[in-house]
Amino acid sequence: MIFNWFRKDRVQDPVQTMLTRVIAASRAEPLYTDLGVPDTLEGRYESVIVHMTLVLRRLRNLPPPADDFAQEFVDAFFKWLDMSLRDMGVSDLGVPKRMKKLVTAFYGRARSYGVALDEEDRAALEEALDRNVTERGDPAHALAAYMIAAEAALAGQDFDALLREGPAFDAALTLT
């Protein structure tokens, strides 16, 4: 059984692949150097939330099995968060308390970004990003423009393309 892990032809789990791609996109250097995301633990988490929100919004607008995939994707994200906390040395007793705060933050931010994007209210999006992500005094204009461009790029991807190519975040970085 354990030797299956070492097989070269092992099939990659699409949910895990998507999560890896989203985390990688959230660590793109221009986000931190040009778009005002602070290069801190909190800033990196906020960047992951931005990217998770965009992918989940796209999945929500796709036909089945995208909705099932989205649920598995969120579950994998929370498992990754749990594992990350443990890797940072948070005790077994401290993990649930921190997870509760992280999950609450995730859903609150996803909701506020989603409402602003749904209503095409750029000012509300900038305000939410300024409050949650960008450093004080660093306006959220560029990050809001990135999110809007990323959502437009993702809109051009169907479910198969999203799984095959990954989210089109690179295209959005070149537009901002």
Protein backbone atom coordinates (compact mmCIF):
# COMPACT_ATOMS: atom_id res chain seq x y z
CA MET A 1 0.00 0.00 0.00
CA ILE A 2 2.63 2.55 0.97
CA PHE A 3 4.52 1.92 -2.24
CA ASN A 4 1.63 3.43 -4.21
CA TRP A 5 2.83 6.84 -3.03
CA PHE A 6 6.09 6.36 -4.89
CA ARG A 7 4.61 5.35 -8.23
CA LYS A 8 5.44 7.74 -11.05
CA ASP A 9 2.04 7.34 -12.73
CA ARG A 10 0.08 8.22 -9.61
CA VAL A 11 -3.02 10.24 -10.53
CA GLN A 12 -3.08 13.71 -8.99
CA ASP A 13 -6.20 14.62 -7.01
CA PRO A 14 -7.87 17.53 -8.87
CA VAL A 15 -9.03 19.19 -5.63
CA GLN A 16 -5.52 19.12 -4.20
CA THR A 17 -4.11 20.35 -7.50
CA MET A 18 -6.53 23.28 -7.52
CA LEU A 19 -5.68 24.14 -3.91
CA THR A 20 -1.97 24.06 -4.71
CA ARG A 21 -2.53 26.34 -7.71
CA VAL A 22 -4.60 28.81 -5.67
CA ILE A 23 -2.01 28.95 -2.89
CA ALA A 24 0.75 29.46 -5.47
CA ALA A 25 -1.25 32.26 -7.13
CA SER A 26 -1.78 33.91 -3.75
CA ARG A 27 2.00 34.05 -3.30
CA ALA A 28 2.75 35.77 -6.62
CA GLU A 29 5.35 38.46 -6.01
CA PRO A 30 3.46 41.35 -7.70
CA LEU A 31 0.68 41.03 -5.12
CA TYR A 32 3.17 42.03 -2.44
CA THR A 33 5.37 44.41 -4.41
CA ASP A 34 2.76 46.22 -6.54
CA LEU A 35 -0.75 45.60 -5.19
CA GLY A 36 -0.37 46.43 -1.49
CA VAL A 37 -0.67 43.01 0.11
CA PRO A 38 1.67 42.97 3.13
CA ASP A 39 4.26 40.18 3.03
CA THR A 40 3.32 38.85 6.46
CA LEU A 41 1.59 35.73 7.69
CA GLU A 42 -1.69 37.64 7.89
CA GLY A 43 -1.17 39.21 4.48
CA ARG A 44 -0.55 35.83 2.91
CA TYR A 45 -3.71 34.44 4.50
CA GLU A 46 -5.69 37.42 3.20
CA SER A 47 -4.26 36.82 -0.27
CA VAL A 48 -5.37 33.18 -0.13
CA ILE A 49 -8.87 34.32 0.86
CA VAL A 50 -9.00 36.69 -2.13
CA HIS A 51 -8.03 33.89 -4.51
CA MET A 52 -10.26 31.27 -2.89
CA THR A 53 -13.19 33.68 -3.13
CA LEU A 54 -12.62 34.22 -6.83
CA VAL A 55 -12.39 30.49 -7.61
CA LEU A 56 -15.42 29.65 -5.49
CA ARG A 57 -17.45 32.38 -7.20
CA ARG A 58 -16.55 30.88 -10.57
CA LEU A 59 -17.40 27.35 -9.45
CA ARG A 60 -20.75 28.58 -8.15
CA ASN A 61 -21.66 29.74 -11.66
CA LEU A 62 -20.74 26.49 -13.39
CA PRO A 63 -22.99 23.44 -13.89
CA PRO A 64 -22.56 20.23 -11.89
CA PRO A 65 -20.24 18.73 -10.77
CA ALA A 66 -18.71 22.14 -9.99
CA ASP A 67 -20.80 22.55 -6.83
CA ASP A 68 -19.58 19.23 -5.39
CA PHE A 69 -16.03 20.12 -6.37
CA ALA A 70 -16.39 23.50 -4.63
CA GLN A 71 -17.38 21.82 -1.37
CA GLU A 72 -14.44 19.42 -1.56
CA PHE A 73 -12.20 22.39 -2.40
CA VAL A 74 -13.32 24.32 0.71
CA ASP A 75 -12.90 21.20 2.86
CA ALA A 76 -9.36 20.71 1.53
CA PHE A 77 -8.59 24.37 2.24
CA PHE A 78 -9.68 24.07 5.87
CA LYS A 79 -7.67 20.86 6.27
CA TRP A 80 -4.66 22.71 4.86
CA LEU A 81 -5.22 25.54 7.36
CA ASP A 82 -5.45 23.06 10.24
CA MET A 83 -2.24 21.36 9.13
CA SER A 84 -0.49 24.72 8.70
CA LEU A 85 -1.39 25.76 12.24
CA ARG A 86 -0.04 22.49 13.60
CA ASP A 87 3.14 22.88 11.54
CA MET A 88 3.61 26.35 13.07
CA GLY A 89 3.52 24.77 16.51
CA VAL A 90 -0.01 25.63 17.63
CA SER A 91 -1.02 23.11 20.27
CA ASP A 92 -3.80 20.58 19.76
CA LEU A 93 -5.92 22.55 22.22
CA GLY A 94 -5.22 25.86 20.46
CA VAL A 95 -6.00 24.71 16.91
CA PRO A 96 -9.83 24.68 17.20
CA LYS A 97 -9.89 28.19 18.68
CA ARG A 98 -7.67 29.56 15.90
CA MET A 99 -9.54 27.63 13.22
CA LYS A 100 -12.80 29.17 14.37
CA LYS A 101 -11.32 32.67 13.92
CA LEU A 102 -9.81 31.80 10.53
CA VAL A 103 -13.02 30.21 9.24
CA THR A 104 -15.10 33.17 10.44
CA ALA A 105 -12.69 35.57 8.75
CA PHE A 106 -12.78 33.54 5.54
CA TYR A 107 -16.57 33.51 5.24
CA GLY A 108 -16.93 37.15 6.30
CA ARG A 109 -14.42 38.37 3.76
CA ALA A 110 -15.72 36.10 1.00
CA ARG A 111 -19.20 37.49 1.63
CA SER A 112 -18.13 41.15 1.59
CA TYR A 113 -15.98 40.71 -1.53
CA GLY A 114 -18.73 38.74 -3.22
CA VAL A 115 -21.42 41.34 -2.51
CA ALA A 116 -19.18 44.12 -3.83
CA LEU A 117 -18.36 42.13 -6.97
CA ASP A 118 -22.01 41.13 -7.52
CA GLU A 119 -23.14 44.74 -7.24
CA GLU A 120 -20.18 45.93 -9.31
CA ASP A 121 -19.47 48.35 -6.47
CA ARG A 122 -15.77 49.04 -6.84
CA ALA A 123 -15.77 51.51 -3.93
CA ALA A 124 -17.20 48.85 -1.58
CA LEU A 125 -14.64 46.31 -2.83
CA GLU A 126 -11.80 48.77 -2.28
CA GLU A 127 -13.11 49.57 1.19
CA ALA A 128 -13.31 45.88 2.12
CA LEU A 129 -9.82 45.20 0.75
CA ASP A 130 -8.45 48.28 2.50
CA ARG A 131 -9.97 47.14 5.78
CA ASN A 132 -8.85 43.50 5.50
CA VAL A 133 -5.82 43.20 3.26
CA THR A 134 -3.77 46.23 2.33
CA GLU A 135 -1.42 47.97 4.70
CA ARG A 136 -2.42 51.28 6.20
CA GLY A 137 -1.94 54.12 3.78
CA ASP A 138 -1.60 51.77 0.80
CA PRO A 139 -4.77 52.23 -1.25
CA ALA A 140 -6.61 49.12 -2.40
CA HIS A 141 -7.27 50.45 -5.93
CA ALA A 142 -4.74 48.16 -7.58
CA LEU A 143 -5.84 45.07 -5.66
CA ALA A 144 -9.49 45.75 -6.50
CA ALA A 145 -8.56 46.13 -10.17
CA TYR A 146 -6.73 42.81 -9.96
CA MET A 147 -9.76 41.06 -8.45
CA ILE A 148 -12.06 42.47 -11.12
CA ALA A 149 -9.64 41.44 -13.89
CA ALA A 150 -9.18 37.99 -12.34
CA GLU A 151 -12.93 37.45 -12.12
CA ALA A 152 -13.27 38.42 -15.79
CA ALA A 153 -10.47 36.03 -16.76
CA LEU A 154 -12.03 33.22 -14.73
CA ALA A 155 -15.39 33.84 -16.41
CA GLY A 156 -13.83 32.63 -19.66
CA GLN A 157 -12.98 29.24 -18.16
CA ASP A 158 -15.38 26.34 -18.06
CA PHE A 159 -15.02 23.59 -15.45
CA ASP A 160 -12.76 21.40 -17.58
CA ALA A 161 -10.46 24.32 -18.43
CA LEU A 162 -10.33 25.35 -14.79
CA LEU A 163 -9.22 21.86 -13.79
CA ARG A 164 -6.86 21.38 -16.72
CA GLU A 165 -5.21 24.82 -16.83
CA GLY A 166 -5.86 26.16 -13.35
CA PRO A 167 -7.40 29.55 -12.56
CA ALA A 168 -6.42 32.33 -14.98
CA PHE A 169 -4.86 34.58 -12.35
CA ASP A 170 -1.70 35.22 -14.40
CA ALA A 171 -3.78 36.97 -17.05
CA ALA A 172 -5.20 39.29 -14.41
CA LEU A 173 -1.74 40.21 -13.12
CA THR A 174 -0.72 41.38 -16.57
CA LEU A 175 -3.83 43.57 -16.85
CA THR A 176 -3.32 45.54 -13.63
